[in-house]
C-alpha atoms as a PDB file:
ATOM      1  CA  MET A   1      11.009 -19.875  25.114  1.00  0.00           C
ATOM      2  CA  ALA A   2       9.617 -23.372  25.625  1.00  0.00           C
ATOM      3  CA  GLY A   3       8.872 -24.830  29.031  1.00  0.00           C
ATOM      4  CA  GLY A   4      11.087 -24.413  32.065  1.00  0.00           C
ATOM      5  CA  ASP A   5      10.879 -21.714  34.729  1.00  0.00           C
ATOM      6  CA  THR A   6       9.768 -18.506  33.022  1.00  0.00           C
ATOM      7  CA  ARG A   7       9.288 -16.399  36.166  1.00  0.00           C
ATOM      8  CA  GLY A   8      12.431 -14.369  35.590  1.00  0.00           C
ATOM      9  CA  ALA A   9      11.643 -13.676  31.945  1.00  0.00           C
ATOM     10  CA  LEU A  10       8.107 -12.583  32.879  1.00  0.00           C
ATOM     11  CA  ALA A  11       9.090 -10.327  35.761  1.00  0.00           C
ATOM     12  CA  GLY A  12       8.458  -7.164  33.734  1.00  0.00           C
ATOM     13  CA  ARG A  13       5.325  -5.716  32.202  1.00  0.00           C
ATOM     14  CA  LEU A  14       3.623  -7.078  29.089  1.00  0.00           C
ATOM     15  CA  SER A  15       5.009  -4.067  27.226  1.00  0.00           C
ATOM     16  CA  ASP A  16       8.508  -5.390  28.013  1.00  0.00           C
ATOM     17  CA  VAL A  17       7.773  -9.023  27.123  1.00  0.00           C
ATOM     18  CA  GLY A  18       5.554  -8.370  24.102  1.00  0.00           C
ATOM     19  CA  GLU A  19       2.764 -10.493  22.658  1.00  0.00           C
ATOM     20  CA  LEU A  20       5.076 -13.135  21.169  1.00  0.00           C
ATOM     21  CA  GLY A  21       7.200 -13.363  24.296  1.00  0.00           C
ATOM     22  CA  PHE A  22       4.104 -13.923  26.391  1.00  0.00           C
ATOM     23  CA  LEU A  23       2.774 -16.581  24.012  1.00  0.00           C
ATOM     24  CA  ASP A  24       6.142 -18.356  23.825  1.00  0.00           C
ATOM     25  CA  SER A  25       6.148 -18.548  27.624  1.00  0.00           C
ATOM     26  CA  VAL A  26       2.713 -20.144  27.973  1.00  0.00           C
ATOM     27  CA  ILE A  27       2.095 -22.139  24.788  1.00  0.00           C
ATOM     28  CA  SER A  28       4.223 -25.095  25.897  1.00  0.00           C
ATOM     29  CA  GLU A  29       1.955 -25.460  28.944  1.00  0.00           C
ATOM     30  CA  LEU A  30      -1.225 -25.658  26.838  1.00  0.00           C
ATOM     31  CA  GLY A  31      -2.833 -28.521  24.959  1.00  0.00           C
ATOM     32  CA  GLY A  32      -1.706 -32.073  25.579  1.00  0.00           C
ATOM     33  CA  HIS A  33      -5.030 -33.900  25.069  1.00  0.00           C
ATOM     34  CA  PRO A  34      -5.432 -36.896  22.740  1.00  0.00           C
ATOM     35  CA  ASP A  35      -8.478 -35.314  21.089  1.00  0.00           C
ATOM     36  CA  LEU A  36      -6.673 -32.020  20.456  1.00  0.00           C
ATOM     37  CA  LEU A  37      -5.294 -32.800  17.004  1.00  0.00           C
ATOM     38  CA  VAL A  38      -3.861 -29.315  16.337  1.00  0.00           C
ATOM     39  CA  GLY A  39      -3.255 -26.990  19.264  1.00  0.00           C
ATOM     40  CA  PRO A  40      -2.062 -23.393  19.680  1.00  0.00           C
ATOM     41  CA  GLY A  41      -0.071 -21.864  16.825  1.00  0.00           C
ATOM     42  CA  ASP A  42      -2.334 -22.276  13.803  1.00  0.00           C
ATOM     43  CA  ASP A  43      -5.398 -20.410  12.530  1.00  0.00           C
ATOM     44  CA  CYS A  44      -7.711 -22.769  14.425  1.00  0.00           C
ATOM     45  CA  ALA A  45      -7.515 -25.584  16.922  1.00  0.00           C
ATOM     46  CA  VAL A  46      -8.550 -28.944  15.456  1.00  0.00           C
ATOM     47  CA  ILE A  47     -10.551 -31.015  17.939  1.00  0.00           C
ATOM     48  CA  ARG A  48     -11.880 -34.556  17.640  1.00  0.00           C
ATOM     49  CA  ALA A  49     -15.287 -35.220  19.219  1.00  0.00           C
ATOM     50  CA  GLY A  50     -16.476 -38.758  18.629  1.00  0.00           C
ATOM     51  CA  ASP A  51     -16.632 -39.338  14.884  1.00  0.00           C
ATOM     52  CA  ALA A  52     -16.561 -35.604  14.085  1.00  0.00           C
ATOM     53  CA  THR A  53     -13.657 -33.180  13.785  1.00  0.00           C
ATOM     54  CA  TRP A  54     -14.163 -29.503  14.599  1.00  0.00           C
ATOM     55  CA  LEU A  55     -12.270 -26.285  14.008  1.00  0.00           C
ATOM     56  CA  VAL A  56     -12.369 -23.701  16.817  1.00  0.00           C
ATOM     57  CA  THR A  57     -11.060 -20.141  16.745  1.00  0.00           C
ATOM     58  CA  THR A  58     -11.625 -16.958  18.735  1.00  0.00           C
ATOM     59  CA  ASP A  59     -10.880 -13.295  18.086  1.00  0.00           C
ATOM     60  CA  ALA A  60     -11.833  -9.899  19.456  1.00  0.00           C
ATOM     61  CA  GLN A  61     -12.582  -6.415  18.176  1.00  0.00           C
ATOM     62  CA  VAL A  62     -11.480  -3.900  20.804  1.00  0.00           C
ATOM     63  CA  GLU A  63     -12.288  -0.185  20.732  1.00  0.00           C
ATOM     64  CA  GLY A  64      -9.103   1.866  20.605  1.00  0.00           C
ATOM     65  CA  THR A  65      -7.095  -1.040  19.203  1.00  0.00           C
ATOM     66  CA  HIS A  66      -9.004  -2.388  16.194  1.00  0.00           C
ATOM     67  CA  PHE A  67     -11.331   0.555  15.616  1.00  0.00           C
ATOM     68  CA  LEU A  68     -12.097   4.037  16.892  1.00  0.00           C
ATOM     69  CA  PRO A  69     -15.512   5.491  17.778  1.00  0.00           C
ATOM     70  CA  GLY A  70     -17.558   6.299  14.690  1.00  0.00           C
ATOM     71  CA  TRP A  71     -15.684   3.995  12.336  1.00  0.00           C
ATOM     72  CA  LEU A  72     -18.280   1.211  12.426  1.00  0.00           C
ATOM     73  CA  LYS A  73     -22.007   1.217  13.027  1.00  0.00           C
ATOM     74  CA  PRO A  74     -23.091  -1.344  15.640  1.00  0.00           C
ATOM     75  CA  ARG A  75     -24.412  -3.822  13.074  1.00  0.00           C
ATOM     76  CA  GLN A  76     -21.236  -3.447  10.990  1.00  0.00           C
ATOM     77  CA  LEU A  77     -19.104  -4.151  14.063  1.00  0.00           C
ATOM     78  CA  GLY A  78     -21.103  -7.274  14.851  1.00  0.00           C
ATOM     79  CA  ARG A  79     -20.755  -8.515  11.289  1.00  0.00           C
ATOM     80  CA  LYS A  80     -17.020  -7.884  11.217  1.00  0.00           C
ATOM     81  CA  ALA A  81     -16.497  -9.614  14.564  1.00  0.00           C
ATOM     82  CA  PHE A  82     -17.976 -12.809  13.132  1.00  0.00           C
ATOM     83  CA  LEU A  83     -16.410 -12.563   9.676  1.00  0.00           C
ATOM     84  CA  VAL A  84     -12.814 -12.297  10.924  1.00  0.00           C
ATOM     85  CA  GLY A  85     -13.340 -15.558  12.817  1.00  0.00           C
ATOM     86  CA  ALA A  86     -14.921 -17.176   9.771  1.00  0.00           C
ATOM     87  CA  SER A  87     -11.776 -16.229   7.849  1.00  0.00           C
ATOM     88  CA  ASP A  88      -9.717 -18.424  10.207  1.00  0.00           C
ATOM     89  CA  ILE A  89     -12.098 -21.295   9.466  1.00  0.00           C
ATOM     90  CA  ALA A  90     -11.643 -20.649   5.735  1.00  0.00           C
ATOM     91  CA  ALA A  91      -7.858 -20.787   6.109  1.00  0.00           C
ATOM     92  CA  MET A  92      -8.165 -24.365   7.376  1.00  0.00           C
ATOM     93  CA  GLY A  93     -10.670 -25.340   4.663  1.00  0.00           C
ATOM     94  CA  GLY A  94     -13.669 -25.683   6.984  1.00  0.00           C
ATOM     95  CA  ALA A  95     -17.245 -24.427   7.204  1.00  0.00           C
ATOM     96  CA  PRO A  96     -18.598 -22.282  10.095  1.00  0.00           C
ATOM     97  CA  ARG A  97     -21.403 -23.928  12.062  1.00  0.00           C
ATOM     98  CA  PHE A  98     -21.723 -22.227  15.480  1.00  0.00           C
ATOM     99  CA  CYS A  99     -20.460 -19.149  17.279  1.00  0.00           C
ATOM    100  CA  PHE A 100     -20.365 -17.819  20.821  1.00  0.00           C
ATOM    101  CA  VAL A 101     -20.368 -14.079  21.491  1.00  0.00           C
ATOM    102  CA  THR A 102     -18.926 -12.208  24.478  1.00  0.00           C
ATOM    103  CA  LEU A 103     -19.879  -8.537  24.596  1.00  0.00           C
ATOM    104  CA  ALA A 104     -18.122  -6.261  27.080  1.00  0.00           C
ATOM    105  CA  ALA A 105     -19.663  -2.794  26.860  1.00  0.00           C
ATOM    106  CA  PRO A 106     -19.779   0.506  28.767  1.00  0.00           C
ATOM    107  CA  SER A 107     -22.913   1.052  30.841  1.00  0.00           C
ATOM    108  CA  GLN A 108     -23.749   4.149  28.811  1.00  0.00           C
ATOM    109  CA  MET A 109     -23.944   2.239  25.527  1.00  0.00           C
ATOM    110  CA  LEU A 110     -27.451   2.488  24.100  1.00  0.00           C
ATOM    111  CA  ALA A 111     -29.394  -0.742  24.486  1.00  0.00           C
ATOM    112  CA  ARG A 112     -30.611  -0.550  20.896  1.00  0.00           C
ATOM    113  CA  ASP A 113     -26.997  -0.328  19.691  1.00  0.00           C
ATOM    114  CA  ALA A 114     -26.094  -3.445  21.670  1.00  0.00           C
ATOM    115  CA  VAL A 115     -29.039  -5.256  20.096  1.00  0.00           C
ATOM    116  CA  GLU A 116     -28.006  -4.084  16.624  1.00  0.00           C
ATOM    117  CA  LEU A 117     -24.474  -5.316  17.249  1.00  0.00           C
ATOM    118  CA  GLN A 118     -25.779  -8.762  18.196  1.00  0.00           C
ATOM    119  CA  ARG A 119     -28.035  -8.781  15.136  1.00  0.00           C
ATOM    120  CA  GLY A 120     -24.995  -8.077  12.999  1.00  0.00           C
ATOM    121  CA  VAL A 121     -23.245 -11.163  14.396  1.00  0.00           C
ATOM    122  CA  ALA A 122     -26.306 -13.343  13.846  1.00  0.00           C
ATOM    123  CA  GLN A 123     -26.845 -12.019  10.320  1.00  0.00           C
ATOM    124  CA  ALA A 124     -23.259 -12.618   9.215  1.00  0.00           C
ATOM    125  CA  ALA A 125     -23.265 -16.063  10.833  1.00  0.00           C
ATOM    126  CA  ALA A 126     -26.449 -17.048   9.006  1.00  0.00           C
ATOM    127  CA  GLU A 127     -25.008 -15.922   5.679  1.00  0.00           C
ATOM    128  CA  CYS A 128     -22.047 -18.256   6.285  1.00  0.00           C
ATOM    129  CA  GLY A 129     -24.167 -21.222   7.372  1.00  0.00           C
ATOM    130  CA  ALA A 130     -23.712 -20.787  11.133  1.00  0.00           C
ATOM    131  CA  VAL A 131     -25.854 -19.870  14.156  1.00  0.00           C
ATOM    132  CA  VAL A 132     -25.202 -18.048  17.434  1.00  0.00           C
ATOM    133  CA  ALA A 133     -25.183 -20.763  20.120  1.00  0.00           C
ATOM    134  CA  GLY A 134     -24.498 -18.690  23.251  1.00  0.00           C
ATOM    135  CA  GLY A 135     -22.216 -16.154  24.864  1.00  0.00           C
ATOM    136  CA  ASN A 136     -21.843 -13.674  27.698  1.00  0.00           C
ATOM    137  CA  VAL A 137     -22.388  -9.983  28.471  1.00  0.00           C
ATOM    138  CA  SER A 138     -20.210  -7.932  30.816  1.00  0.00           C
ATOM    139  CA  ARG A 139     -19.549  -4.315  31.723  1.00  0.00           C
ATOM    140  CA  SER A 140     -16.351  -2.667  30.475  1.00  0.00           C
ATOM    141  CA  THR A 141     -14.864   0.805  30.161  1.00  0.00           C
ATOM    142  CA  GLU A 142     -14.418   0.258  26.395  1.00  0.00           C
ATOM    143  CA  LEU A 143     -16.439  -1.647  23.840  1.00  0.00           C
ATOM    144  CA  ASN A 144     -15.070  -5.133  23.238  1.00  0.00           C
ATOM    145  CA  ILE A 145     -16.726  -7.944  21.297  1.00  0.00           C
ATOM    146  CA  SER A 146     -15.162 -11.395  21.191  1.00  0.00           C
ATOM    147  CA  VAL A 147     -16.507 -14.158  18.938  1.00  0.00           C
ATOM    148  CA  THR A 148     -15.598 -17.832  19.075  1.00  0.00           C
ATOM    149  CA  VAL A 149     -16.392 -19.644  15.829  1.00  0.00           C
ATOM    150  CA  VAL A 150     -16.775 -23.412  15.608  1.00  0.00           C
ATOM    151  CA  GLY A 151     -16.604 -25.010  12.180  1.00  0.00           C
ATOM    152  CA  SER A 152     -16.742 -28.473  10.667  1.00  0.00           C
ATOM    153  CA  ALA A 153     -13.309 -29.600   9.491  1.00  0.00           C
ATOM    154  CA  PRO A 154     -12.369 -31.136   6.138  1.00  0.00           C
ATOM    155  CA  ASP A 155     -10.677 -34.530   6.072  1.00  0.00           C
ATOM    156  CA  HIS A 156      -7.305 -32.817   5.722  1.00  0.00           C
ATOM    157  CA  PRO A 157      -7.335 -29.319   7.280  1.00  0.00           C
ATOM    158  CA  MET A 158      -4.809 -26.920   5.784  1.00  0.00           C
ATOM    159  CA  LEU A 159      -2.081 -26.034   8.283  1.00  0.00           C
ATOM    160  CA  ARG A 160       0.667 -23.428   8.321  1.00  0.00           C
ATOM    161  CA  SER A 161       3.290 -26.156   8.590  1.00  0.00           C
ATOM    162  CA  GLY A 162       2.996 -27.999   5.264  1.00  0.00           C
ATOM    163  CA  ALA A 163       4.921 -25.768   2.834  1.00  0.00           C
ATOM    164  CA  LYS A 164       8.024 -27.213   1.170  1.00  0.00           C
ATOM    165  CA  GLU A 165      10.988 -25.720  -0.654  1.00  0.00           C
ATOM    166  CA  GLY A 166       9.984 -25.176  -4.292  1.00  0.00           C
ATOM    167  CA  ASP A 167       6.268 -24.746  -3.553  1.00  0.00           C
ATOM    168  CA  LEU A 168       4.561 -21.841  -5.312  1.00  0.00           C
ATOM    169  CA  LEU A 169       2.917 -19.048  -3.306  1.00  0.00           C
ATOM    170  CA  TYR A 170      -0.532 -17.735  -4.188  1.00  0.00           C
ATOM    171  CA  VAL A 171      -2.938 -15.227  -2.697  1.00  0.00           C
ATOM    172  CA  THR A 172      -6.674 -14.800  -3.238  1.00  0.00           C
ATOM    173  CA  GLY A 173      -8.400 -11.539  -4.123  1.00  0.00           C
ATOM    174  CA  SER A 174      -6.474  -8.301  -3.723  1.00  0.00           C
ATOM    175  CA  LEU A 175      -4.341  -6.747  -1.006  1.00  0.00           C
ATOM    176  CA  GLY A 176      -4.053  -3.388   0.724  1.00  0.00           C
ATOM    177  CA  ASP A 177      -7.540  -1.900   0.389  1.00  0.00           C
ATOM    178  CA  ALA A 178      -8.497  -2.436   4.048  1.00  0.00           C
ATOM    179  CA  ALA A 179      -5.278  -0.741   5.171  1.00  0.00           C
ATOM    180  CA  LEU A 180      -6.002   2.134   2.795  1.00  0.00           C
ATOM    181  CA  GLY A 181      -9.492   2.448   4.297  1.00  0.00           C
ATOM    182  CA  THR A 182      -7.915   2.607   7.761  1.00  0.00           C
ATOM    183  CA  ARG A 183      -5.442   5.264   6.619  1.00  0.00           C
ATOM    184  CA  LEU A 184      -8.293   7.420   5.319  1.00  0.00           C
ATOM    185  CA  LEU A 185     -10.289   7.018   8.539  1.00  0.00           C
ATOM    186  CA  LEU A 186      -7.292   8.022  10.649  1.00  0.00           C
ATOM    187  CA  LYS A 187      -6.956  11.178   8.579  1.00  0.00           C
ATOM    188  CA  GLY A 188     -10.618  11.965   9.171  1.00  0.00           C
ATOM    189  CA  GLU A 189     -11.355  11.535   5.473  1.00  0.00           C
ATOM    190  CA  PRO A 190     -14.339   9.637   4.027  1.00  0.00           C
ATOM    191  CA  ALA A 191     -13.543   5.939   3.628  1.00  0.00           C
ATOM    192  CA  GLY A 192     -16.049   4.974   0.999  1.00  0.00           C
ATOM    193  CA  GLY A 193     -15.879   2.673  -1.979  1.00  0.00           C
ATOM    194  CA  VAL A 194     -13.738  -0.428  -1.939  1.00  0.00           C
ATOM    195  CA  PRO A 195     -11.267   0.677   0.797  1.00  0.00           C
ATOM    196  CA  GLY A 196     -14.040   1.442   3.266  1.00  0.00           C
ATOM    197  CA  ARG A 197     -15.955  -1.722   2.416  1.00  0.00           C
ATOM    198  CA  ARG A 198     -12.900  -3.943   2.720  1.00  0.00           C
ATOM    199  CA  PHE A 199     -12.142  -2.517   6.186  1.00  0.00           C
ATOM    200  CA  ARG A 200     -15.707  -2.753   7.462  1.00  0.00           C
ATOM    201  CA  GLU A 201     -16.861  -5.947   5.739  1.00  0.00           C
ATOM    202  CA  PRO A 202     -14.179  -8.645   5.390  1.00  0.00           C
ATOM    203  CA  GLU A 203     -15.001 -11.431   2.952  1.00  0.00           C
ATOM    204  CA  PRO A 204     -13.889 -14.809   4.322  1.00  0.00           C
ATOM    205  CA  ARG A 205     -12.791 -17.014   1.428  1.00  0.00           C
ATOM    206  CA  LEU A 206     -14.806 -20.023   2.569  1.00  0.00           C
ATOM    207  CA  LYS A 207     -15.466 -21.482  -0.875  1.00  0.00           C
ATOM    208  CA  ALA A 208     -11.841 -21.183  -1.949  1.00  0.00           C
ATOM    209  CA  GLY A 209     -10.569 -22.630   1.320  1.00  0.00           C
ATOM    210  CA  SER A 210     -12.932 -25.584   1.121  1.00  0.00           C
ATOM    211  CA  LEU A 211     -11.918 -26.478  -2.425  1.00  0.00           C
ATOM    212  CA  LEU A 212      -8.198 -26.065  -1.772  1.00  0.00           C
ATOM    213  CA  ALA A 213      -8.439 -28.371   1.257  1.00  0.00           C
ATOM    214  CA  ASN A 214     -10.855 -30.980  -0.060  1.00  0.00           C
ATOM    215  CA  ARG A 215      -9.002 -31.330  -3.360  1.00  0.00           C
ATOM    216  CA  GLU A 216      -5.724 -31.438  -1.370  1.00  0.00           C
ATOM    217  CA  ILE A 217      -4.122 -28.794  -3.586  1.00  0.00           C
ATOM    218  CA  ALA A 218      -2.676 -26.407  -1.001  1.00  0.00           C
ATOM    219  CA  SER A 219       0.242 -27.648   1.085  1.00  0.00           C
ATOM    220  CA  ALA A 220      -0.104 -24.822   3.632  1.00  0.00           C
ATOM    221  CA  ALA A 221      -2.380 -21.827   4.180  1.00  0.00           C
ATOM    222  CA  ILE A 222      -3.048 -18.831   6.416  1.00  0.00           C
ATOM    223  CA  ASP A 223      -5.461 -15.922   6.284  1.00  0.00           C
ATOM    224  CA  VAL A 224      -3.848 -12.522   5.808  1.00  0.00           C
ATOM    225  CA  SER A 225      -4.846 -10.560   8.904  1.00  0.00           C
ATOM    226  CA  ASP A 226      -1.567  -8.938   9.989  1.00  0.00           C
ATOM    227  CA  GLY A 227      -0.189  -8.096   6.541  1.00  0.00           C
ATOM    228  CA  LEU A 228       1.092 -10.374   3.792  1.00  0.00           C
ATOM    229  CA  LEU A 229       4.748 -10.389   4.839  1.00  0.00           C
ATOM    230  CA  ASN A 230       4.072 -10.926   8.537  1.00  0.00           C
ATOM    231  CA  ASP A 231       1.684 -13.791   7.874  1.00  0.00           C
ATOM    232  CA  LEU A 232       4.044 -15.300   5.302  1.00  0.00           C
ATOM    233  CA  CYS A 233       6.673 -15.334   8.047  1.00  0.00           C
ATOM    234  CA  HIS A 234       4.301 -17.385  10.223  1.00  0.00           C
ATOM    235  CA  VAL A 235       4.009 -19.970   7.432  1.00  0.00           C
ATOM    236  CA  CYS A 236       7.761 -19.990   6.872  1.00  0.00           C
ATOM    237  CA  ALA A 237       8.481 -20.461  10.573  1.00  0.00           C
ATOM    238  CA  ALA A 238       5.938 -23.277  10.933  1.00  0.00           C
ATOM    239  CA  SER A 239       7.109 -24.999   7.723  1.00  0.00           C
ATOM    240  CA  ASN A 240      10.855 -24.333   8.164  1.00  0.00           C
ATOM    241  CA  VAL A 241      11.195 -22.706   4.736  1.00  0.00           C
ATOM    242  CA  GLY A 242      12.140 -19.313   3.333  1.00  0.00           C
ATOM    243  CA  ALA A 243      10.245 -17.414   0.657  1.00  0.00           C
ATOM    244  CA  ARG A 244      10.580 -14.939  -2.183  1.00  0.00           C
ATOM    245  CA  VAL A 245       7.721 -12.565  -3.061  1.00  0.00           C
ATOM    246  CA  GLU A 246       7.650 -10.425  -6.213  1.00  0.00           C
ATOM    247  CA  SER A 247       6.074  -7.099  -5.309  1.00  0.00           C
ATOM    248  CA  GLU A 248       5.089  -6.394  -8.921  1.00  0.00           C
ATOM    249  CA  ARG A 249       2.919  -9.515  -8.915  1.00  0.00           C
ATOM    250  CA  LEU A 250       0.873  -8.554  -5.859  1.00  0.00           C
ATOM    251  CA  PRO A 251      -2.805  -8.069  -6.741  1.00  0.00           C
ATOM    252  CA  ALA A 252      -3.701  -4.498  -5.791  1.00  0.00           C
ATOM    253  CA  SER A 253      -6.341  -1.994  -6.834  1.00  0.00           C
ATOM    254  CA  ALA A 254      -5.427   1.198  -8.665  1.00  0.00           C
ATOM    255  CA  ALA A 255      -6.116   3.133  -5.443  1.00  0.00           C
ATOM    256  CA  VAL A 256      -3.644   0.994  -3.487  1.00  0.00           C
ATOM    257  CA  ARG A 257      -0.994   1.315  -6.197  1.00  0.00           C
ATOM    258  CA  ARG A 258      -1.375   5.096  -6.097  1.00  0.00           C
ATOM    259  CA  ALA A 259      -1.168   5.159  -2.295  1.00  0.00           C
ATOM    260  CA  GLY A 260       1.919   2.934  -2.159  1.00  0.00           C
ATOM    261  CA  ARG A 261       2.579  -0.739  -2.753  1.00  0.00           C
ATOM    262  CA  ASP A 262       3.732  -1.114   0.848  1.00  0.00           C
ATOM    263  CA  LEU A 263       0.024  -1.348   1.725  1.00  0.00           C
ATOM    264  CA  ALA A 264      -0.207  -4.570  -0.296  1.00  0.00           C
ATOM    265  CA  LEU A 265       2.925  -5.964   1.348  1.00  0.00           C
ATOM    266  CA  SER A 266       2.318  -4.972   4.955  1.00  0.00           C
ATOM    267  CA  GLY A 267      -1.219  -3.623   5.328  1.00  0.00           C
ATOM    268  CA  GLY A 268      -3.410  -5.671   7.661  1.00  0.00           C
ATOM    269  CA  GLU A 269      -6.995  -6.930   7.716  1.00  0.00           C
ATOM    270  CA  ASP A 270      -7.224  -8.121   4.116  1.00  0.00           C
ATOM    271  CA  TYR A 271      -8.476 -11.548   5.235  1.00  0.00           C
ATOM    272  CA  GLU A 272      -7.430 -13.078   1.950  1.00  0.00           C
ATOM    273  CA  LEU A 273      -5.887 -16.553   1.838  1.00  0.00           C
ATOM    274  CA  LEU A 274      -2.152 -16.949   1.358  1.00  0.00           C
ATOM    275  CA  PHE A 275      -1.345 -20.532   0.393  1.00  0.00           C
ATOM    276  CA  SER A 276       1.418 -22.685  -1.013  1.00  0.00           C
ATOM    277  CA  VAL A 277       1.004 -25.216  -3.811  1.00  0.00           C
ATOM    278  CA  PRO A 278       3.497 -27.886  -4.917  1.00  0.00           C
ATOM    279  CA  ALA A 279       4.744 -27.018  -8.412  1.00  0.00           C
ATOM    280  CA  ARG A 280       3.346 -30.318  -9.716  1.00  0.00           C
ATOM    281  CA  SER A 281      -0.179 -29.217  -8.650  1.00  0.00           C
ATOM    282  CA  LYS A 282      -0.141 -25.892 -10.501  1.00  0.00           C
ATOM    283  CA  GLY A 283      -2.279 -27.272 -13.307  1.00  0.00           C
ATOM    284  CA  ARG A 284      -4.817 -28.712 -10.875  1.00  0.00           C
ATOM    285  CA  LEU A 285      -5.160 -25.300  -9.224  1.00  0.00           C
ATOM    286  CA  GLN A 286      -5.654 -23.592 -12.573  1.00  0.00           C
ATOM    287  CA  SER A 287      -8.436 -26.030 -13.437  1.00  0.00           C
ATOM    288  CA  LEU A 288     -10.285 -24.954 -10.263  1.00  0.00           C
ATOM    289  CA  VAL A 289      -9.901 -21.194 -10.573  1.00  0.00           C
ATOM    290  CA  GLY A 290     -13.373 -20.667 -12.026  1.00  0.00           C
ATOM    291  CA  GLY A 291     -14.990 -22.332  -9.030  1.00  0.00           C
ATOM    292  CA  LEU A 292     -13.093 -20.657  -6.199  1.00  0.00           C
ATOM    293  CA  GLY A 293     -15.315 -17.591  -6.079  1.00  0.00           C
ATOM    294  CA  CYS A 294     -12.362 -15.214  -6.349  1.00  0.00           C
ATOM    295  CA  LYS A 295      -9.230 -14.697  -8.386  1.00  0.00           C
ATOM    296  CA  VAL A 296      -5.904 -16.185  -7.314  1.00  0.00           C
ATOM    297  CA  THR A 297      -2.489 -14.736  -8.115  1.00  0.00           C
ATOM    298  CA  LEU A 298       0.929 -16.377  -8.164  1.00  0.00           C
ATOM    299  CA  ILE A 299       3.187 -14.077  -6.102  1.00  0.00           C
ATOM    300  CA  GLY A 300       6.334 -16.079  -5.338  1.00  0.00           C
ATOM    301  CA  GLU A 301       7.854 -19.332  -4.205  1.00  0.00           C
ATOM    302  CA  CYS A 302       9.238 -21.123  -1.145  1.00  0.00           C
ATOM    303  CA  LEU A 303      13.016 -21.204  -0.657  1.00  0.00           C
ATOM    304  CA  PRO A 304      15.433 -22.961   1.700  1.00  0.00           C
ATOM    305  CA  ALA A 305      14.911 -21.745   5.262  1.00  0.00           C
ATOM    306  CA  GLU A 306      18.336 -20.097   5.464  1.00  0.00           C
ATOM    307  CA  ARG A 307      17.341 -17.635   2.718  1.00  0.00           C
ATOM    308  CA  GLY A 308      14.742 -16.020   4.961  1.00  0.00           C
ATOM    309  CA  VAL A 309      11.860 -13.981   3.513  1.00  0.00           C
ATOM    310  CA  LEU A 310      12.833 -11.881   0.498  1.00  0.00           C
ATOM    311  CA  VAL A 311      11.005  -9.298  -1.586  1.00  0.00           C
ATOM    312  CA  VAL A 312      11.805  -8.568  -5.219  1.00  0.00           C
ATOM    313  CA  CYS A 313      11.189  -4.822  -5.321  1.00  0.00           C
ATOM    314  CA  GLU A 314       9.889  -2.740  -8.205  1.00  0.00           C
ATOM    315  CA  ASP A 315      13.471  -1.941  -9.246  1.00  0.00           C
ATOM    316  CA  GLY A 316      14.142  -5.673  -9.627  1.00  0.00           C
ATOM    317  CA  VAL A 317      16.473  -5.825  -6.606  1.00  0.00           C
ATOM    318  CA  GLU A 318      15.935  -8.653  -4.107  1.00  0.00           C
ATOM    319  CA  ARG A 319      15.870  -7.407  -0.505  1.00  0.00           C
ATOM    320  CA  PRO A 320      15.123  -8.925   2.918  1.00  0.00           C
ATOM    321  CA  ALA A 321      11.506  -8.348   3.941  1.00  0.00           C
ATOM    322  CA  ASP A 322      10.931  -5.192   5.979  1.00  0.00           C
ATOM    323  CA  LEU A 323       8.669  -6.526   8.700  1.00  0.00           C
ATOM    324  CA  LYS A 324       6.545  -4.149  10.746  1.00  0.00           C
ATOM    325  CA  PRO A 325       4.578  -6.400  13.080  1.00  0.00           C
ATOM    326  CA  PHE A 326       1.825  -4.935  15.208  1.00  0.00           C
ATOM    327  CA  ARG A 327       2.743  -5.185  18.929  1.00  0.00           C
ATOM    328  CA  HIS A 328      -0.365  -5.527  21.106  1.00  0.00           C
ATOM    329  CA  PHE A 329       1.514  -4.539  24.250  1.00  0.00           C
ATOM    330  CA  GLY A 330       3.918  -1.976  22.829  1.00  0.00           C
ATOM    331  CA  SER A 331       4.124   1.463  24.380  1.00  0.00           C
ATOM    332  CA  GLY A 332       0.902   3.276  23.511  1.00  0.00           C
ATOM    333  CA  SER A 333       0.042   0.445  21.124  1.00  0.00           C
ATOM    334  CA  ARG A 334      -2.930   0.823  18.898  1.00  0.00           C
ATOM    335  CA  ARG A 335      -3.431  -1.337  15.878  1.00  0.00           C
ATOM    336  CA  HIS A 336      -4.413   1.613  13.704  1.00  0.00           C
ATOM    337  CA  LYS A 337      -1.618   4.166  13.970  1.00  0.00           C
END
């Protein structure tokens, strides 16, 4: 839905409209400033300020939606709240510089825990080259921390909209471990090792994103926060292309393979980079692999838009992607179910 009178469409509850319906109804009314170079709909806004260009993104960690009590220590929660925002900056090829923190907390929260949470934000920011520049504190019935990250932009920020038919699809690192960690936590089982670490401590691919953007190798990029297939669909929609992914190529740990390859396809919170590369630039990417700070894996290619998003399954059969998007306003919605 773009523009026009949306009052009839928005007469119901958010659970009826859904997150995407709500966004479709308001996004056309946002932006519209000459210094807003990229507005709503990408990983970050791109804003011109004098001779500088900045990336700005915001995200929240909400108790009951993104985590349950006991899953994260206060300092871990603070670190994660910053790192997921830094991952958006990485997806555009930028470098974090500042952040602003809004903490909404129950009155009964221990003061020392609130301080530890803030220290976690500041510590993670410092490790990524950024500082906490301000924020706000408010009372809430549930713990909610929102972090806005401001980063310096490369000359040519990577967008979701640049992929072309015939481009190759790559992903950094490995997929599915964070979702496996979540599955274990929901079962009340210990989430140690790699799965627990990947859930609690995302690793924004800042070095890889910077090189891919500054060397102008990637034609499009996104960070994988809502699952590989769902985020690939965002790229395809923005770029007006289809895609084919080979499930056997997906980089996954032995634990994820044992638990089910669907975790690599649809599990969320990996915060790896999914990016497209023109076939002619494949050699240039390979020459950079040693300097990216992580492995990269070729997982598929871009197709004509009418083909949609396809998955080549383990049996070799090509099937339409089975998308299971998280609905923020669905009935009884909770991200970790």
